[in-house]
Amino acid sequence: MQEYLSRDKLPLICGILGFILAVLFFTVGFFKTILLILITVIGVAIGIYLRNNHILDDYLKK
């Protein structure tokens, strides 16, 4: 089992993400799911920007 998980980690993660996306499409709806994905991507982009520019380093070290 450990060998399977280490060898096929990426397909397993993509399968789980696909399942979650399908559940969101059926329960929430297409456009709300797209909006949720878009807001998540914007949040990740802001987090990467703040980390790369060391903007909050002094505040987070306290």
N, C-alpha and C. Protein backbone atom coordinates (compact mmCIF):
# COMPACT_ATOMS: atom_id res chain seq x y z
N MET A 1 0.82 -1.19 0.00
CA MET A 1 0.00 0.00 0.00
C MET A 1 0.87 1.26 0.00
N GLN A 2 1.93 1.25 0.81
CA GLN A 2 2.83 2.40 0.88
C GLN A 2 3.49 2.64 -0.47
N GLU A 3 3.86 1.55 -1.16
CA GLU A 3 4.50 1.68 -2.47
C GLU A 3 3.52 2.28 -3.48
N TYR A 4 2.27 1.87 -3.42
CA TYR A 4 1.25 2.41 -4.32
C TYR A 4 1.06 3.91 -4.09
N LEU A 5 0.98 4.31 -2.83
CA LEU A 5 0.77 5.72 -2.51
C LEU A 5 1.95 6.58 -2.93
N SER A 6 3.16 6.08 -2.75
CA SER A 6 4.32 6.88 -3.13
C SER A 6 4.50 6.92 -4.64
N ARG A 7 4.12 5.85 -5.34
CA ARG A 7 4.28 5.79 -6.78
C ARG A 7 3.19 6.58 -7.51
N ASP A 8 1.97 6.49 -7.03
CA ASP A 8 0.83 7.09 -7.73
C ASP A 8 0.19 8.22 -6.93
N LYS A 9 1.03 9.07 -6.33
CA LYS A 9 0.51 10.16 -5.50
C LYS A 9 -0.25 11.19 -6.33
N LEU A 10 0.31 11.61 -7.46
CA LEU A 10 -0.31 12.67 -8.27
C LEU A 10 -1.67 12.24 -8.85
N PRO A 11 -1.80 11.04 -9.44
CA PRO A 11 -3.13 10.64 -9.91
C PRO A 11 -4.17 10.54 -8.80
N LEU A 12 -3.73 10.13 -7.62
CA LEU A 12 -4.65 10.03 -6.49
C LEU A 12 -5.13 11.41 -6.06
N ILE A 13 -4.23 12.37 -5.98
CA ILE A 13 -4.60 13.73 -5.60
C ILE A 13 -5.53 14.34 -6.65
N CYS A 14 -5.21 14.14 -7.93
CA CYS A 14 -6.06 14.68 -8.99
C CYS A 14 -7.44 14.03 -8.99
N GLY A 15 -7.50 12.76 -8.68
CA GLY A 15 -8.80 12.09 -8.59
C GLY A 15 -9.64 12.63 -7.47
N ILE A 16 -9.02 12.88 -6.33
CA ILE A 16 -9.75 13.45 -5.19
C ILE A 16 -10.23 14.86 -5.52
N LEU A 17 -9.36 15.67 -6.15
CA LEU A 17 -9.77 17.02 -6.54
C LEU A 17 -10.90 16.99 -7.57
N GLY A 18 -10.85 16.06 -8.50
CA GLY A 18 -11.92 15.91 -9.48
C GLY A 18 -13.24 15.53 -8.83
N PHE A 19 -13.18 14.66 -7.85
CA PHE A 19 -14.39 14.27 -7.13
C PHE A 19 -14.99 15.46 -6.38
N ILE A 20 -14.15 16.22 -5.71
CA ILE A 20 -14.63 17.40 -4.98
C ILE A 20 -15.23 18.42 -5.94
N LEU A 21 -14.59 18.61 -7.09
CA LEU A 21 -15.12 19.54 -8.09
C LEU A 21 -16.47 19.07 -8.62
N ALA A 22 -16.62 17.78 -8.86
CA ALA A 22 -17.89 17.25 -9.34
C ALA A 22 -18.99 17.43 -8.30
N VAL A 23 -18.68 17.19 -7.04
CA VAL A 23 -19.67 17.38 -5.99
C VAL A 23 -20.08 18.85 -5.91
N LEU A 24 -19.11 19.76 -6.03
CA LEU A 24 -19.45 21.19 -6.02
C LEU A 24 -20.33 21.56 -7.20
N PHE A 25 -20.04 21.03 -8.39
CA PHE A 25 -20.87 21.34 -9.56
C PHE A 25 -22.31 20.89 -9.34
N PHE A 26 -22.50 19.72 -8.77
CA PHE A 26 -23.85 19.21 -8.61
C PHE A 26 -24.59 19.84 -7.45
N THR A 27 -23.91 20.24 -6.40
CA THR A 27 -24.61 20.78 -5.24
C THR A 27 -24.74 22.30 -5.27
N VAL A 28 -23.68 22.99 -5.66
CA VAL A 28 -23.69 24.46 -5.61
C VAL A 28 -24.11 25.06 -6.94
N GLY A 29 -23.66 24.48 -8.02
CA GLY A 29 -23.95 25.00 -9.34
C GLY A 29 -22.67 25.40 -10.06
N PHE A 30 -22.77 25.53 -11.36
CA PHE A 30 -21.60 25.77 -12.19
C PHE A 30 -20.96 27.12 -11.91
N PHE A 31 -21.73 28.20 -11.97
CA PHE A 31 -21.15 29.53 -11.85
C PHE A 31 -20.65 29.83 -10.44
N LYS A 32 -21.33 29.33 -9.43
CA LYS A 32 -20.84 29.52 -8.06
C LYS A 32 -19.55 28.74 -7.83
N THR A 33 -19.44 27.57 -8.46
CA THR A 33 -18.21 26.79 -8.34
C THR A 33 -17.06 27.49 -9.03
N ILE A 34 -17.30 28.04 -10.21
CA ILE A 34 -16.27 28.79 -10.93
C ILE A 34 -15.84 30.01 -10.12
N LEU A 35 -16.81 30.70 -9.51
CA LEU A 35 -16.48 31.86 -8.66
C LEU A 35 -15.65 31.43 -7.45
N LEU A 36 -15.98 30.31 -6.85
CA LEU A 36 -15.22 29.80 -5.71
C LEU A 36 -13.79 29.48 -6.11
N ILE A 37 -13.61 28.85 -7.26
CA ILE A 37 -12.27 28.54 -7.75
C ILE A 37 -11.50 29.82 -8.05
N LEU A 38 -12.14 30.79 -8.66
CA LEU A 38 -11.48 32.06 -9.00
C LEU A 38 -11.04 32.81 -7.74
N ILE A 39 -11.89 32.87 -6.74
CA ILE A 39 -11.53 33.55 -5.49
C ILE A 39 -10.40 32.82 -4.79
N THR A 40 -10.40 31.49 -4.84
CA THR A 40 -9.32 30.72 -4.24
C THR A 40 -8.00 30.98 -4.93
N VAL A 41 -8.01 31.03 -6.26
CA VAL A 41 -6.79 31.30 -7.03
C VAL A 41 -6.26 32.70 -6.71
N ILE A 42 -7.16 33.68 -6.59
CA ILE A 42 -6.74 35.04 -6.24
C ILE A 42 -6.12 35.06 -4.85
N GLY A 43 -6.71 34.34 -3.90
CA GLY A 43 -6.15 34.27 -2.55
C GLY A 43 -4.78 33.63 -2.52
N VAL A 44 -4.59 32.56 -3.29
CA VAL A 44 -3.28 31.92 -3.37
C VAL A 44 -2.26 32.86 -4.00
N ALA A 45 -2.66 33.58 -5.04
CA ALA A 45 -1.75 34.51 -5.71
C ALA A 45 -1.33 35.63 -4.76
N ILE A 46 -2.25 36.15 -3.97
CA ILE A 46 -1.91 37.19 -2.99
C ILE A 46 -0.97 36.63 -1.93
N GLY A 47 -1.21 35.41 -1.48
CA GLY A 47 -0.34 34.79 -0.49
C GLY A 47 1.07 34.59 -1.02
N ILE A 48 1.19 34.15 -2.26
CA ILE A 48 2.51 33.97 -2.87
C ILE A 48 3.21 35.31 -3.03
N TYR A 49 2.48 36.34 -3.42
CA TYR A 49 3.05 37.67 -3.58
C TYR A 49 3.58 38.19 -2.24
N LEU A 50 2.78 38.04 -1.18
CA LEU A 50 3.21 38.52 0.13
C LEU A 50 4.42 37.75 0.65
N ARG A 51 4.47 36.45 0.40
CA ARG A 51 5.60 35.64 0.85
C ARG A 51 6.87 36.00 0.07
N ASN A 52 6.77 36.19 -1.23
CA ASN A 52 7.95 36.47 -2.04
C ASN A 52 8.52 37.87 -1.79
N ASN A 53 7.68 38.81 -1.42
CA ASN A 53 8.14 40.18 -1.19
C ASN A 53 8.42 40.46 0.29
N HIS A 54 8.24 39.47 1.15
CA HIS A 54 8.54 39.58 2.59
C HIS A 54 7.80 40.75 3.23
N ILE A 55 6.59 40.98 2.83
CA ILE A 55 5.82 42.11 3.33
C ILE A 55 5.37 41.89 4.78
N LEU A 56 4.96 40.70 5.12
CA LEU A 56 4.43 40.45 6.45
C LEU A 56 5.41 39.71 7.35
N ASP A 57 6.67 39.60 6.99
CA ASP A 57 7.63 38.83 7.78
C ASP A 57 7.81 39.40 9.19
N ASP A 58 7.95 40.70 9.31
CA ASP A 58 8.14 41.31 10.63
C ASP A 58 6.90 41.13 11.50
N TYR A 59 5.73 41.23 10.91
CA TYR A 59 4.50 41.10 11.66
C TYR A 59 4.26 39.66 12.12
N LEU A 60 4.59 38.69 11.27
CA LEU A 60 4.34 37.29 11.60
C LEU A 60 5.37 36.70 12.56
N LYS A 61 6.53 37.32 12.69
CA LYS A 61 7.58 36.79 13.59
C LYS A 61 7.29 37.13 15.05
N LYS A 62 6.41 38.07 15.31
CA LYS A 62 6.11 38.49 16.69
C LYS A 62 5.27 37.47 17.39
